[in-house]
Amino acid sequence: MTVTKAAVAVLGSANMDLVAYTKVAPRLGETVTGESFRTVPGGKGANQAIAAARAGGAVTMIGAVGDDDFGVRLRAALDAAGVGTGRLRTVPGPSGIAQITVDGAGHNAIVVVPGANGTVTALTPQDEAAIAAAGALLLQLELPLSGVLAGARAARERGVRTVLTPAPAQPLPDELLALTDLLVPNEHEAAALSGEGDPRAAARALLDAVPEVVVTLGAAGCLHAVRGREPLAVPALAAQAVDTTAAGDTFVGALAVALGEGRPADGALRWATAASALSVERHGASSSMPRRAAIDARAAAGSPVR
């Protein structure tokens, strides 16, 4: 059976990830010796774009890179993944970077410096046309809030579904929440936005602001909540985690593709969970994101975490 590609637009950041691997992450004021270092194309926007493209979507990236070597490499990585970069502008100055420390358990700590991403404060008519041509717009919070709001407004005006990842966590204006069709926070972001520590309570509270919520829970899977129903728990698949960087972005990119193909929500969530499980078994951000055939295989064969 031929599947029509899901059309996905991503308005978001592109960063070069500067990743140091160490057995134990340093505490404040402490120096430790690392085991290895890599530079990997990343940024939450670029990550979600690459994840969606590898999952089988027709993806357009809207954003900015600098006129430095990192900008050249970021654009090349998106092109190589099959992401459309016609709306990825090049601006004077440095590209965004993320300084990432990954410890022996695969946990990470990240410092983001926006660089060129900070220039995306508004949209051009061409950007809005790219959003109009998509079935879904993926948004995150590594761009200026004015740019994120402009994208959400453009999507709502054109009947395009808006999927917001509220990261890095920050207070959100009521207007942005009102323009969001699907909110995908992790459990910490859900708690910060709702004031509720329990993920189920947080999901229910967030439904006062948005019609649909997926709270990601790492190795515990995710919760799917819509108005009028109790949250549905979707278990994670068993995985040998070596690096959790961009696991959430992989999940969102794959979920957008699955929903864009018309899959039911529970099936789409299970497929996205398989993509996320594969990503944590590999090092890096964009370099860890699986292709469609691998996701299909893991979804078919994977066993849930007990």
Protein backbone atom coordinates (compact mmCIF):
# COMPACT_ATOMS: atom_id res chain seq x y z
CA MET A 1 0.00 0.00 0.00
CA THR A 2 1.32 3.44 -0.94
CA VAL A 3 1.23 5.96 1.90
CA THR A 4 0.86 9.64 1.02
CA LYS A 5 3.64 11.59 2.70
CA ALA A 6 2.56 13.74 5.62
CA ALA A 7 3.37 17.40 4.92
CA VAL A 8 5.05 18.94 7.96
CA ALA A 9 6.41 22.46 8.46
CA VAL A 10 8.83 23.14 11.31
CA LEU A 11 9.41 26.64 12.64
CA GLY A 12 12.32 26.35 15.01
CA SER A 13 15.96 26.45 15.94
CA ALA A 14 19.04 24.99 14.28
CA ASN A 15 22.06 24.62 16.57
CA MET A 16 25.40 22.92 16.39
CA ASP A 17 25.56 20.59 19.38
CA LEU A 18 28.95 20.51 21.12
CA VAL A 19 28.73 17.23 23.01
CA ALA A 20 31.10 16.03 25.73
CA TYR A 21 30.74 12.47 27.06
CA THR A 22 31.88 11.70 30.58
CA LYS A 23 31.27 8.97 33.16
CA VAL A 24 30.08 11.46 35.78
CA ALA A 25 28.81 14.97 34.99
CA PRO A 26 30.68 17.75 36.81
CA ARG A 27 29.06 19.47 39.76
CA LEU A 28 29.16 23.25 40.04
CA GLY A 29 32.79 24.36 40.30
CA GLU A 30 34.13 20.88 39.51
CA THR A 31 36.31 19.77 36.58
CA VAL A 32 36.14 16.20 35.28
CA THR A 33 37.94 14.37 32.48
CA GLY A 34 35.71 13.48 29.57
CA GLU A 35 35.83 10.36 27.43
CA SER A 36 35.02 11.83 24.00
CA PHE A 37 33.74 14.92 22.19
CA ARG A 38 31.57 15.38 19.08
CA THR A 39 29.98 18.17 17.11
CA VAL A 40 26.51 17.12 15.92
CA PRO A 41 23.86 19.16 14.06
CA GLY A 42 20.93 19.78 16.43
CA GLY A 43 18.54 22.38 17.80
CA LYS A 44 14.98 21.42 18.68
CA GLY A 45 13.59 22.67 15.38
CA ALA A 46 16.17 20.97 13.18
CA ASN A 47 15.92 17.82 15.29
CA GLN A 48 12.17 17.59 14.82
CA ALA A 49 12.50 18.33 11.11
CA ILE A 50 15.09 15.59 10.59
CA ALA A 51 13.11 13.13 12.72
CA ALA A 52 9.97 13.77 10.69
CA ALA A 53 11.81 13.49 7.36
CA ARG A 54 13.47 10.20 8.34
CA ALA A 55 10.09 8.92 9.53
CA GLY A 56 8.74 9.49 6.02
CA GLY A 57 7.33 13.02 6.09
CA ALA A 58 7.63 15.77 3.48
CA VAL A 59 9.23 18.42 5.68
CA THR A 60 10.01 22.13 5.31
CA MET A 61 12.29 23.90 7.82
CA ILE A 62 11.70 27.59 8.63
CA GLY A 63 14.40 29.33 10.67
CA ALA A 64 17.89 30.80 10.47
CA VAL A 65 21.56 29.87 10.59
CA GLY A 66 24.63 32.12 10.72
CA ASP A 67 27.13 32.77 7.95
CA ASP A 68 29.76 30.68 9.74
CA ASP A 69 31.01 27.14 9.19
CA PHE A 70 28.39 25.77 11.59
CA GLY A 71 25.67 27.33 9.41
CA VAL A 72 27.00 25.57 6.33
CA ARG A 73 27.12 22.26 8.17
CA LEU A 74 23.64 22.66 9.65
CA ARG A 75 22.10 23.35 6.25
CA ALA A 76 23.96 20.40 4.74
CA ALA A 77 22.70 18.06 7.47
CA LEU A 78 19.09 19.10 6.86
CA ASP A 79 19.50 18.73 3.10
CA ALA A 80 21.04 15.28 3.54
CA ALA A 81 18.04 14.18 5.64
CA GLY A 82 15.65 15.28 2.91
CA VAL A 83 14.37 18.37 4.71
CA GLY A 84 13.42 21.31 2.50
CA THR A 85 15.66 24.27 3.41
CA GLY A 86 14.35 26.93 1.04
CA ARG A 87 12.91 28.84 4.03
CA LEU A 88 16.05 28.46 6.18
CA ARG A 89 17.63 31.90 5.97
CA THR A 90 21.33 32.70 6.40
CA VAL A 91 22.03 35.80 8.51
CA PRO A 92 25.26 37.60 9.45
CA GLY A 93 26.93 36.33 12.62
CA PRO A 94 27.24 33.00 14.42
CA SER A 95 24.84 30.09 14.28
CA GLY A 96 23.19 28.84 17.43
CA ILE A 97 25.03 26.30 19.55
CA ALA A 98 24.17 23.92 22.37
CA GLN A 99 26.80 22.85 24.87
CA ILE A 100 25.83 19.36 26.06
CA THR A 101 27.29 17.07 28.72
CA VAL A 102 26.22 13.41 28.62
CA ASP A 103 27.02 11.17 31.59
CA GLY A 104 27.56 7.43 31.78
CA ALA A 105 23.84 6.77 32.34
CA GLY A 106 22.89 8.68 29.18
CA HIS A 107 21.49 11.69 31.04
CA ASN A 108 22.30 15.15 29.73
CA ALA A 109 22.68 18.79 30.78
CA ILE A 110 22.43 21.49 28.11
CA VAL A 111 23.29 25.19 27.69
CA VAL A 112 21.87 26.82 24.53
CA VAL A 113 23.26 30.02 22.96
CA PRO A 114 20.67 31.21 20.36
CA GLY A 115 22.92 32.94 17.80
CA ALA A 116 21.10 33.25 14.47
CA ASN A 117 17.96 31.71 15.94
CA GLY A 118 17.43 34.94 17.87
CA THR A 119 16.79 36.82 14.62
CA VAL A 120 13.59 34.89 13.81
CA THR A 121 11.17 37.38 15.32
CA ALA A 122 8.62 37.48 12.48
CA LEU A 123 7.59 35.61 9.34
CA THR A 124 7.80 36.53 5.68
CA PRO A 125 4.94 35.90 3.22
CA GLN A 126 7.00 32.99 1.86
CA ASP A 127 7.28 31.50 5.35
CA GLU A 128 3.51 31.77 5.78
CA ALA A 129 2.99 30.09 2.39
CA ALA A 130 5.17 27.18 3.51
CA ILE A 131 3.02 26.79 6.64
CA ALA A 132 -0.18 26.95 4.58
CA ALA A 133 1.08 24.06 2.40
CA ALA A 134 1.57 21.77 5.43
CA GLY A 135 -0.82 19.62 7.40
CA ALA A 136 0.94 20.38 10.68
CA LEU A 137 3.27 23.04 12.05
CA LEU A 138 5.78 22.00 14.72
CA LEU A 139 6.82 24.72 17.17
CA GLN A 140 9.24 24.84 20.13
CA LEU A 141 10.58 27.66 22.31
CA GLU A 142 14.20 28.10 21.18
CA LEU A 143 13.16 31.01 18.91
CA PRO A 144 11.97 34.41 20.13
CA LEU A 145 8.40 34.16 21.39
CA SER A 146 7.24 36.75 18.84
CA GLY A 147 8.34 34.44 16.03
CA VAL A 148 6.66 31.41 17.61
CA LEU A 149 3.42 33.38 17.99
CA ALA A 150 3.60 34.55 14.38
CA GLY A 151 3.85 30.94 13.27
CA ALA A 152 0.95 29.83 15.44
CA ARG A 153 -1.22 32.66 14.14
CA ALA A 154 -0.37 31.81 10.52
CA ALA A 155 -1.22 28.15 11.10
CA ARG A 156 -4.56 28.89 12.77
CA GLU A 157 -5.58 31.33 10.03
CA ARG A 158 -4.88 28.65 7.40
CA GLY A 159 -6.39 25.67 9.20
CA VAL A 160 -3.04 23.99 9.87
CA ARG A 161 -2.66 21.88 13.02
CA THR A 162 -0.20 23.37 15.51
CA VAL A 163 1.95 21.05 17.65
CA LEU A 164 3.87 22.86 20.40
CA THR A 165 6.77 21.45 22.39
CA PRO A 166 7.02 23.89 25.36
CA ALA A 167 10.79 23.65 25.75
CA PRO A 168 12.88 25.17 27.13
CA ALA A 169 10.21 25.57 29.82
CA GLN A 170 8.93 29.11 30.35
CA PRO A 171 5.62 30.81 31.11
CA LEU A 172 3.42 30.80 28.02
CA PRO A 173 1.08 33.59 26.97
CA ASP A 174 -2.60 32.71 26.85
CA GLU A 175 -2.66 33.57 23.15
CA LEU A 176 -0.10 30.89 22.28
CA LEU A 177 -1.95 28.23 24.23
CA ALA A 178 -5.20 29.27 22.56
CA LEU A 179 -3.54 28.75 19.17
CA THR A 180 -2.13 25.32 20.09
CA ASP A 181 -3.94 22.19 18.92
CA LEU A 182 -1.60 19.62 20.50
CA LEU A 183 0.76 20.36 23.40
CA VAL A 184 3.66 17.90 23.95
CA PRO A 185 5.52 18.67 27.21
CA ASN A 186 7.70 16.30 29.14
CA GLU A 187 6.66 15.62 32.74
CA HIS A 188 8.82 18.45 34.12
CA GLU A 189 7.46 20.98 31.61
CA ALA A 190 3.90 19.78 32.28
CA ALA A 191 4.42 20.32 36.02
CA ALA A 192 5.87 23.80 35.46
CA LEU A 193 2.97 24.84 33.19
CA SER A 194 0.18 23.35 35.28
CA GLY A 195 1.45 23.58 38.85
CA GLU A 196 0.62 19.89 39.25
CA GLY A 197 3.39 17.43 40.14
CA ASP A 198 1.50 14.30 39.13
CA PRO A 199 1.59 13.82 35.32
CA ARG A 200 -2.07 12.75 35.12
CA ALA A 201 -3.19 15.75 37.14
CA ALA A 202 -0.96 17.98 35.03
CA ALA A 203 -2.43 16.61 31.80
CA ARG A 204 -5.97 17.19 33.04
CA ALA A 205 -5.13 20.74 34.13
CA LEU A 206 -3.53 21.59 30.78
CA LEU A 207 -6.73 20.60 28.99
CA ASP A 208 -8.23 23.81 30.35
CA ALA A 209 -5.93 25.67 27.95
CA VAL A 210 -5.48 23.29 24.97
CA PRO A 211 -7.71 20.58 23.46
CA GLU A 212 -5.12 17.79 23.41
CA VAL A 213 -1.99 16.97 25.43
CA VAL A 214 0.70 14.30 25.25
CA VAL A 215 2.96 14.24 28.31
CA THR A 216 6.19 12.33 27.63
CA LEU A 217 7.53 10.33 30.56
CA GLY A 218 10.88 8.99 29.35
CA ALA A 219 11.27 5.30 30.16
CA ALA A 220 7.69 5.27 31.47
CA GLY A 221 6.22 6.09 28.04
CA CYS A 222 3.64 8.86 27.68
CA LEU A 223 0.14 10.01 28.61
CA HIS A 224 -2.39 11.09 25.99
CA ALA A 225 -5.21 13.35 27.17
CA VAL A 226 -8.14 14.89 25.33
CA ARG A 227 -11.08 16.77 26.75
CA GLY A 228 -13.86 14.56 28.03
CA ARG A 229 -11.76 11.39 28.54
CA GLU A 230 -9.33 10.06 31.13
CA PRO A 231 -5.65 10.22 30.09
CA LEU A 232 -4.45 7.11 28.21
CA ALA A 233 -1.11 5.63 29.25
CA VAL A 234 1.11 4.39 26.42
CA PRO A 235 4.07 2.33 27.69
CA ALA A 236 7.60 2.87 26.44
CA LEU A 237 9.41 0.12 24.56
CA ALA A 238 12.41 -1.53 26.19
CA ALA A 239 15.66 0.15 25.18
CA GLN A 240 19.33 0.19 26.19
CA ALA A 241 19.81 3.94 26.62
CA VAL A 242 23.23 5.46 25.89
CA ASP A 243 22.17 9.06 25.13
CA THR A 244 18.72 10.58 25.67
CA THR A 245 19.53 13.80 23.78
CA ALA A 246 16.72 14.60 21.31
CA ALA A 247 14.60 11.58 22.26
CA GLY A 248 11.66 13.93 22.78
CA ASP A 249 12.23 15.63 19.43
CA THR A 250 12.38 12.25 17.73
CA PHE A 251 9.06 11.36 19.35
CA VAL A 252 7.39 14.59 18.20
CA GLY A 253 8.70 14.34 14.63
CA ALA A 254 7.54 10.75 14.26
CA LEU A 255 4.19 11.52 15.91
CA ALA A 256 3.52 14.38 13.49
CA VAL A 257 4.14 12.06 10.55
CA ALA A 258 1.95 9.28 11.95
CA LEU A 259 -0.93 11.67 12.66
CA GLY A 260 -0.48 13.30 9.26
CA GLU A 261 -0.90 9.90 7.64
CA GLY A 262 -4.24 9.53 9.40
CA ARG A 263 -3.27 6.92 11.97
CA PRO A 264 -5.46 6.70 15.09
CA ALA A 265 -3.95 8.47 18.10
CA ASP A 266 -3.06 5.31 20.02
CA GLY A 267 -1.31 3.73 17.03
CA ALA A 268 0.49 6.97 16.23
CA LEU A 269 1.72 7.26 19.82
CA ARG A 270 2.99 3.68 19.88
CA TRP A 271 4.84 4.22 16.59
CA ALA A 272 6.40 7.45 17.89
CA THR A 273 7.42 5.62 21.07
CA ALA A 274 9.26 3.06 18.93
CA ALA A 275 11.13 5.88 17.19
CA SER A 276 12.12 7.38 20.54
CA ALA A 277 13.32 4.00 21.84
CA LEU A 278 15.61 3.63 18.85
CA SER A 279 17.00 7.14 19.28
CA VAL A 280 18.18 6.65 22.88
CA GLU A 281 20.23 3.62 21.81
CA ARG A 282 22.49 5.83 19.66
CA HIS A 283 24.75 8.77 20.44
CA GLY A 284 23.97 12.34 19.38
CA ALA A 285 20.88 14.32 18.44
CA SER A 286 20.11 14.23 14.72
CA SER A 287 22.62 11.39 14.27
CA SER A 288 20.49 9.15 16.52
CA MET A 289 17.20 9.54 14.68
CA PRO A 290 15.87 6.37 13.02
CA ARG A 291 14.52 5.88 9.53
CA ARG A 292 11.01 4.69 8.78
CA ALA A 293 11.87 1.03 8.15
CA ALA A 294 13.64 0.77 11.49
CA ILE A 295 10.68 2.39 13.29
CA ASP A 296 8.28 -0.04 11.64
CA ALA A 297 10.42 -2.98 12.70
CA ARG A 298 10.78 -1.82 16.32
CA ALA A 299 7.07 -1.03 16.59
CA ALA A 300 6.22 -4.52 15.33
CA ALA A 301 8.77 -6.41 17.45
CA GLY A 302 9.35 -4.22 20.49
CA SER A 303 8.17 -5.21 23.95
CA PRO A 304 6.89 -2.62 26.42
CA VAL A 305 8.86 -1.76 29.55
CA ARG A 306 7.28 -3.55 32.50
